[in-house]
């Protein structure tokens, strides 16, 4: 494996679950940029978001992507908004393969519910908000990705099998 396998997509798309399966199968490290941000901030993302705001979080997220890009090759689960910053997209594309894990808003809502720990869902209207975010970000996900994998109604193992097949062909 040369470079990272970067998993992008909306919250609830399966990046962490699929990433852990891929890491185990490929026998490479698993990284999570949200976990990296929380470790650097010394608090959960919800706390960081509330106390410092989205711009501060996005800067910390960009720094996390840069750090992870320098780690030994592995599988990387990113935050849902990672594609909002072109620096992140450039780092991911130049440092490996990018896979967009895609699911419709209804599926995302079913998976994440009204998670109070997710700042973008704090208003409690998860399905509508997820639909808005997905509409706003879909072009960015598509532009960043080397390939797209639909995850709706599928297990992490099934998705991982498809990613492996696509990766082998790429």
C-alpha atoms as a PDB file:
ATOM      1  CA  UNK A   1       0.000   0.000   0.000  1.00  0.00           C
ATOM      2  CA  UNK A   2       1.519   3.306  -1.019  1.00  0.00           C
ATOM      3  CA  UNK A   3      -0.103   6.328   0.521  1.00  0.00           C
ATOM      4  CA  UNK A   4      -3.264   6.524   2.559  1.00  0.00           C
ATOM      5  CA  UNK A   5      -6.792   5.407   1.827  1.00  0.00           C
ATOM      6  CA  UNK A   6      -8.779   8.530   2.737  1.00  0.00           C
ATOM      7  CA  UNK A   7     -12.480   8.006   3.501  1.00  0.00           C
ATOM      8  CA  UNK A   8     -14.675  11.060   3.010  1.00  0.00           C
ATOM      9  CA  UNK A   9     -18.421  11.572   3.287  1.00  0.00           C
ATOM     10  CA  UNK A  10     -21.165  12.820   5.520  1.00  0.00           C
ATOM     11  CA  UNK A  11     -21.491  11.977   9.187  1.00  0.00           C
ATOM     12  CA  UNK A  12     -23.096   8.566   9.396  1.00  0.00           C
ATOM     13  CA  UNK A  13     -21.814   7.411   5.995  1.00  0.00           C
ATOM     14  CA  UNK A  14     -19.684   4.724   7.651  1.00  0.00           C
ATOM     15  CA  UNK A  15     -16.187   6.207   7.462  1.00  0.00           C
ATOM     16  CA  UNK A  16     -15.091   5.039  10.896  1.00  0.00           C
ATOM     17  CA  UNK A  17     -16.745   1.609  10.733  1.00  0.00           C
ATOM     18  CA  UNK A  18     -15.508   0.872   7.218  1.00  0.00           C
ATOM     19  CA  UNK A  19     -12.113   2.374   8.034  1.00  0.00           C
ATOM     20  CA  UNK A  20     -11.580   0.025  10.949  1.00  0.00           C
ATOM     21  CA  UNK A  21     -12.510  -2.981   8.793  1.00  0.00           C
ATOM     22  CA  UNK A  22     -10.178  -1.828   6.001  1.00  0.00           C
ATOM     23  CA  UNK A  23      -7.352  -1.223   8.460  1.00  0.00           C
ATOM     24  CA  UNK A  24      -7.693  -4.708   9.874  1.00  0.00           C
ATOM     25  CA  UNK A  25      -7.901  -6.345   6.429  1.00  0.00           C
ATOM     26  CA  UNK A  26      -4.948  -4.425   5.020  1.00  0.00           C
ATOM     27  CA  UNK A  27      -2.946  -4.713   8.236  1.00  0.00           C
ATOM     28  CA  UNK A  28      -2.216  -0.988   8.288  1.00  0.00           C
ATOM     29  CA  UNK A  29      -2.870   1.717  10.889  1.00  0.00           C
ATOM     30  CA  UNK A  30      -6.268   3.361  11.247  1.00  0.00           C
ATOM     31  CA  UNK A  31      -6.366   7.130  11.706  1.00  0.00           C
ATOM     32  CA  UNK A  32      -9.330   9.385  12.459  1.00  0.00           C
ATOM     33  CA  UNK A  33      -8.895  13.123  11.896  1.00  0.00           C
ATOM     34  CA  UNK A  34     -11.707  13.947  14.335  1.00  0.00           C
ATOM     35  CA  UNK A  35      -9.924  11.982  17.052  1.00  0.00           C
ATOM     36  CA  UNK A  36      -6.718  13.820  16.184  1.00  0.00           C
ATOM     37  CA  UNK A  37      -8.483  17.192  16.544  1.00  0.00           C
ATOM     38  CA  UNK A  38      -9.946  16.178  19.900  1.00  0.00           C
ATOM     39  CA  UNK A  39      -6.537  15.059  21.162  1.00  0.00           C
ATOM     40  CA  UNK A  40      -4.944  18.341  20.099  1.00  0.00           C
ATOM     41  CA  UNK A  41      -7.804  20.446  21.510  1.00  0.00           C
ATOM     42  CA  UNK A  42      -8.018  18.483  24.740  1.00  0.00           C
ATOM     43  CA  UNK A  43     -11.804  18.380  24.480  1.00  0.00           C
ATOM     44  CA  UNK A  44     -14.576  16.867  22.356  1.00  0.00           C
ATOM     45  CA  UNK A  45     -15.374  18.517  19.015  1.00  0.00           C
ATOM     46  CA  UNK A  46     -18.748  19.679  20.342  1.00  0.00           C
ATOM     47  CA  UNK A  47     -16.960  21.573  23.112  1.00  0.00           C
ATOM     48  CA  UNK A  48     -14.374  23.026  20.720  1.00  0.00           C
ATOM     49  CA  UNK A  49     -17.124  24.066  18.305  1.00  0.00           C
ATOM     50  CA  UNK A  50     -19.151  25.713  21.076  1.00  0.00           C
ATOM     51  CA  UNK A  51     -16.230  27.523  22.719  1.00  0.00           C
ATOM     52  CA  UNK A  52     -14.195  28.545  19.663  1.00  0.00           C
ATOM     53  CA  UNK A  53     -16.583  28.207  16.714  1.00  0.00           C
ATOM     54  CA  UNK A  54     -16.511  26.494  13.364  1.00  0.00           C
ATOM     55  CA  UNK A  55     -13.599  28.505  11.864  1.00  0.00           C
ATOM     56  CA  UNK A  56     -11.281  27.430  14.688  1.00  0.00           C
ATOM     57  CA  UNK A  57     -12.416  23.834  14.305  1.00  0.00           C
ATOM     58  CA  UNK A  58     -11.812  23.922  10.532  1.00  0.00           C
ATOM     59  CA  UNK A  59      -8.273  25.242  11.063  1.00  0.00           C
ATOM     60  CA  UNK A  60      -7.573  22.457  13.552  1.00  0.00           C
ATOM     61  CA  UNK A  61      -9.066  19.953  11.118  1.00  0.00           C
ATOM     62  CA  UNK A  62      -6.748  21.193   8.327  1.00  0.00           C
ATOM     63  CA  UNK A  63      -3.773  20.847  10.673  1.00  0.00           C
ATOM     64  CA  UNK A  64      -4.894  17.300  11.531  1.00  0.00           C
ATOM     65  CA  UNK A  65      -5.105  16.356   7.840  1.00  0.00           C
ATOM     66  CA  UNK A  66      -1.574  17.673   7.325  1.00  0.00           C
ATOM     67  CA  UNK A  67      -0.289  15.709  10.338  1.00  0.00           C
ATOM     68  CA  UNK A  68      -1.991  12.483   9.304  1.00  0.00           C
ATOM     69  CA  UNK A  69      -0.744  12.899   5.732  1.00  0.00           C
ATOM     70  CA  UNK A  70       2.773  12.549   7.138  1.00  0.00           C
ATOM     71  CA  UNK A  71       2.046   9.350   9.077  1.00  0.00           C
ATOM     72  CA  UNK A  72       2.898   5.873   7.728  1.00  0.00           C
ATOM     73  CA  UNK A  73       0.374   4.668   5.107  1.00  0.00           C
ATOM     74  CA  UNK A  74      -2.966   3.686   6.567  1.00  0.00           C
ATOM     75  CA  UNK A  75      -6.704   4.109   6.362  1.00  0.00           C
ATOM     76  CA  UNK A  76      -8.020   7.546   7.354  1.00  0.00           C
ATOM     77  CA  UNK A  77     -11.560   8.437   8.430  1.00  0.00           C
ATOM     78  CA  UNK A  78     -12.102  12.164   8.004  1.00  0.00           C
ATOM     79  CA  UNK A  79     -14.664  14.593   9.348  1.00  0.00           C
ATOM     80  CA  UNK A  80     -17.706  15.203   7.174  1.00  0.00           C
ATOM     81  CA  UNK A  81     -16.669  18.741   6.271  1.00  0.00           C
ATOM     82  CA  UNK A  82     -13.059  17.993   5.391  1.00  0.00           C
ATOM     83  CA  UNK A  83     -13.748  18.754   1.703  1.00  0.00           C
ATOM     84  CA  UNK A  84     -14.746  22.343   2.494  1.00  0.00           C
ATOM     85  CA  UNK A  85     -11.060  23.321   2.577  1.00  0.00           C
ATOM     86  CA  UNK A  86      -9.123  22.889  -0.678  1.00  0.00           C
ATOM     87  CA  UNK A  87      -5.900  22.402   1.309  1.00  0.00           C
ATOM     88  CA  UNK A  88      -7.357  19.204   2.721  1.00  0.00           C
ATOM     89  CA  UNK A  89      -8.417  17.931  -0.682  1.00  0.00           C
ATOM     90  CA  UNK A  90      -4.963  18.656  -2.107  1.00  0.00           C
ATOM     91  CA  UNK A  91      -3.251  16.852   0.783  1.00  0.00           C
ATOM     92  CA  UNK A  92      -5.529  13.826   0.503  1.00  0.00           C
ATOM     93  CA  UNK A  93      -5.288  13.527  -3.283  1.00  0.00           C
ATOM     94  CA  UNK A  94      -1.521  13.899  -3.277  1.00  0.00           C
ATOM     95  CA  UNK A  95      -1.086  11.459  -0.406  1.00  0.00           C
ATOM     96  CA  UNK A  96      -3.182   8.514  -1.508  1.00  0.00           C
ATOM     97  CA  UNK A  97      -6.570   7.443  -2.783  1.00  0.00           C
ATOM     98  CA  UNK A  98      -9.807   9.178  -1.761  1.00  0.00           C
ATOM     99  CA  UNK A  99     -13.056   7.220  -1.467  1.00  0.00           C
ATOM    100  CA  UNK A 100     -16.400   8.972  -1.001  1.00  0.00           C
ATOM    101  CA  UNK A 101     -18.732   6.871   1.126  1.00  0.00           C
ATOM    102  CA  UNK A 102     -22.152   8.058   0.002  1.00  0.00           C
ATOM    103  CA  UNK A 103     -25.578   7.509   1.529  1.00  0.00           C
ATOM    104  CA  UNK A 104     -28.902   9.368   1.197  1.00  0.00           C
ATOM    105  CA  UNK A 105     -29.954  11.791   3.930  1.00  0.00           C
ATOM    106  CA  UNK A 106     -32.644   9.420   5.240  1.00  0.00           C
ATOM    107  CA  UNK A 107     -30.041   6.701   5.813  1.00  0.00           C
ATOM    108  CA  UNK A 108     -27.612   9.146   7.416  1.00  0.00           C
ATOM    109  CA  UNK A 109     -30.368  10.372   9.726  1.00  0.00           C
ATOM    110  CA  UNK A 110     -31.274   6.824  10.715  1.00  0.00           C
ATOM    111  CA  UNK A 111     -27.646   6.109  11.556  1.00  0.00           C
ATOM    112  CA  UNK A 112     -26.783   9.240  13.534  1.00  0.00           C
ATOM    113  CA  UNK A 113     -30.189  10.229  14.910  1.00  0.00           C
ATOM    114  CA  UNK A 114     -30.272  13.550  16.737  1.00  0.00           C
ATOM    115  CA  UNK A 115     -26.786  13.198  18.203  1.00  0.00           C
ATOM    116  CA  UNK A 116     -26.248  16.169  20.508  1.00  0.00           C
ATOM    117  CA  UNK A 117     -22.485  15.599  20.242  1.00  0.00           C
ATOM    118  CA  UNK A 118     -22.594  16.570  16.554  1.00  0.00           C
ATOM    119  CA  UNK A 119     -22.551  20.374  16.417  1.00  0.00           C
ATOM    120  CA  UNK A 120     -24.215  20.614  13.013  1.00  0.00           C
ATOM    121  CA  UNK A 121     -27.193  18.644  14.340  1.00  0.00           C
ATOM    122  CA  UNK A 122     -27.612  20.621  17.556  1.00  0.00           C
ATOM    123  CA  UNK A 123     -31.016  21.973  16.521  1.00  0.00           C
ATOM    124  CA  UNK A 124     -32.484  18.439  16.700  1.00  0.00           C
ATOM    125  CA  UNK A 125     -33.822  18.312  13.102  1.00  0.00           C
ATOM    126  CA  UNK A 126     -31.327  15.732  11.840  1.00  0.00           C
ATOM    127  CA  UNK A 127     -32.964  14.523   8.615  1.00  0.00           C
ATOM    128  CA  UNK A 128     -33.555  17.988   7.163  1.00  0.00           C
ATOM    129  CA  UNK A 129     -30.169  19.313   8.203  1.00  0.00           C
ATOM    130  CA  UNK A 130     -28.344  16.272   6.854  1.00  0.00           C
ATOM    131  CA  UNK A 131     -30.159  16.683   3.541  1.00  0.00           C
ATOM    132  CA  UNK A 132     -29.101  20.322   3.330  1.00  0.00           C
ATOM    133  CA  UNK A 133     -25.483  19.494   4.147  1.00  0.00           C
ATOM    134  CA  UNK A 134     -25.410  16.630   1.668  1.00  0.00           C
ATOM    135  CA  UNK A 135     -26.805  18.861  -1.092  1.00  0.00           C
ATOM    136  CA  UNK A 136     -24.255  21.573  -0.300  1.00  0.00           C
ATOM    137  CA  UNK A 137     -21.281  19.189  -0.170  1.00  0.00           C
ATOM    138  CA  UNK A 138     -21.992  16.560  -2.839  1.00  0.00           C
ATOM    139  CA  UNK A 139     -20.086  18.346  -5.609  1.00  0.00           C
ATOM    140  CA  UNK A 140     -17.084  18.784  -3.331  1.00  0.00           C
ATOM    141  CA  UNK A 141     -17.119  15.123  -2.338  1.00  0.00           C
ATOM    142  CA  UNK A 142     -17.386  14.089  -5.994  1.00  0.00           C
ATOM    143  CA  UNK A 143     -14.527  16.386  -7.025  1.00  0.00           C
ATOM    144  CA  UNK A 144     -12.267  15.128  -4.233  1.00  0.00           C
ATOM    145  CA  UNK A 145     -12.934  11.412  -4.683  1.00  0.00           C
ATOM    146  CA  UNK A 146     -11.105   8.899  -6.827  1.00  0.00           C
ATOM    147  CA  UNK A 147     -14.139   6.661  -6.491  1.00  0.00           C
ATOM    148  CA  UNK A 148     -17.618   6.652  -4.948  1.00  0.00           C
ATOM    149  CA  UNK A 149     -19.135   3.854  -2.895  1.00  0.00           C
ATOM    150  CA  UNK A 150     -22.785   3.741  -1.873  1.00  0.00           C
ATOM    151  CA  UNK A 151     -23.168   2.559   1.717  1.00  0.00           C
ATOM    152  CA  UNK A 152     -26.952   2.634   2.185  1.00  0.00           C
ATOM    153  CA  UNK A 153     -28.286  -0.672   3.479  1.00  0.00           C
ATOM    154  CA  UNK A 154     -24.838  -2.259   3.463  1.00  0.00           C
ATOM    155  CA  UNK A 155     -22.560  -3.592   6.179  1.00  0.00           C
ATOM    156  CA  UNK A 156     -19.093  -2.138   6.728  1.00  0.00           C
ATOM    157  CA  UNK A 157     -17.662  -5.479   5.569  1.00  0.00           C
ATOM    158  CA  UNK A 158     -19.569  -5.311   2.244  1.00  0.00           C
ATOM    159  CA  UNK A 159     -18.423  -1.737   1.660  1.00  0.00           C
ATOM    160  CA  UNK A 160     -14.832  -2.676   2.508  1.00  0.00           C
ATOM    161  CA  UNK A 161     -14.952  -5.512  -0.031  1.00  0.00           C
ATOM    162  CA  UNK A 162     -16.063  -3.086  -2.754  1.00  0.00           C
ATOM    163  CA  UNK A 163     -13.331  -0.595  -1.833  1.00  0.00           C
ATOM    164  CA  UNK A 164     -10.708  -3.339  -2.005  1.00  0.00           C
ATOM    165  CA  UNK A 165     -11.885  -4.344  -5.487  1.00  0.00           C
ATOM    166  CA  UNK A 166     -11.874  -0.740  -6.708  1.00  0.00           C
ATOM    167  CA  UNK A 167      -8.476  -0.102  -5.205  1.00  0.00           C
ATOM    168  CA  UNK A 168      -6.951  -3.153  -6.839  1.00  0.00           C
ATOM    169  CA  UNK A 169      -8.269  -1.969 -10.233  1.00  0.00           C
ATOM    170  CA  UNK A 170      -7.056   1.610  -9.769  1.00  0.00           C
END
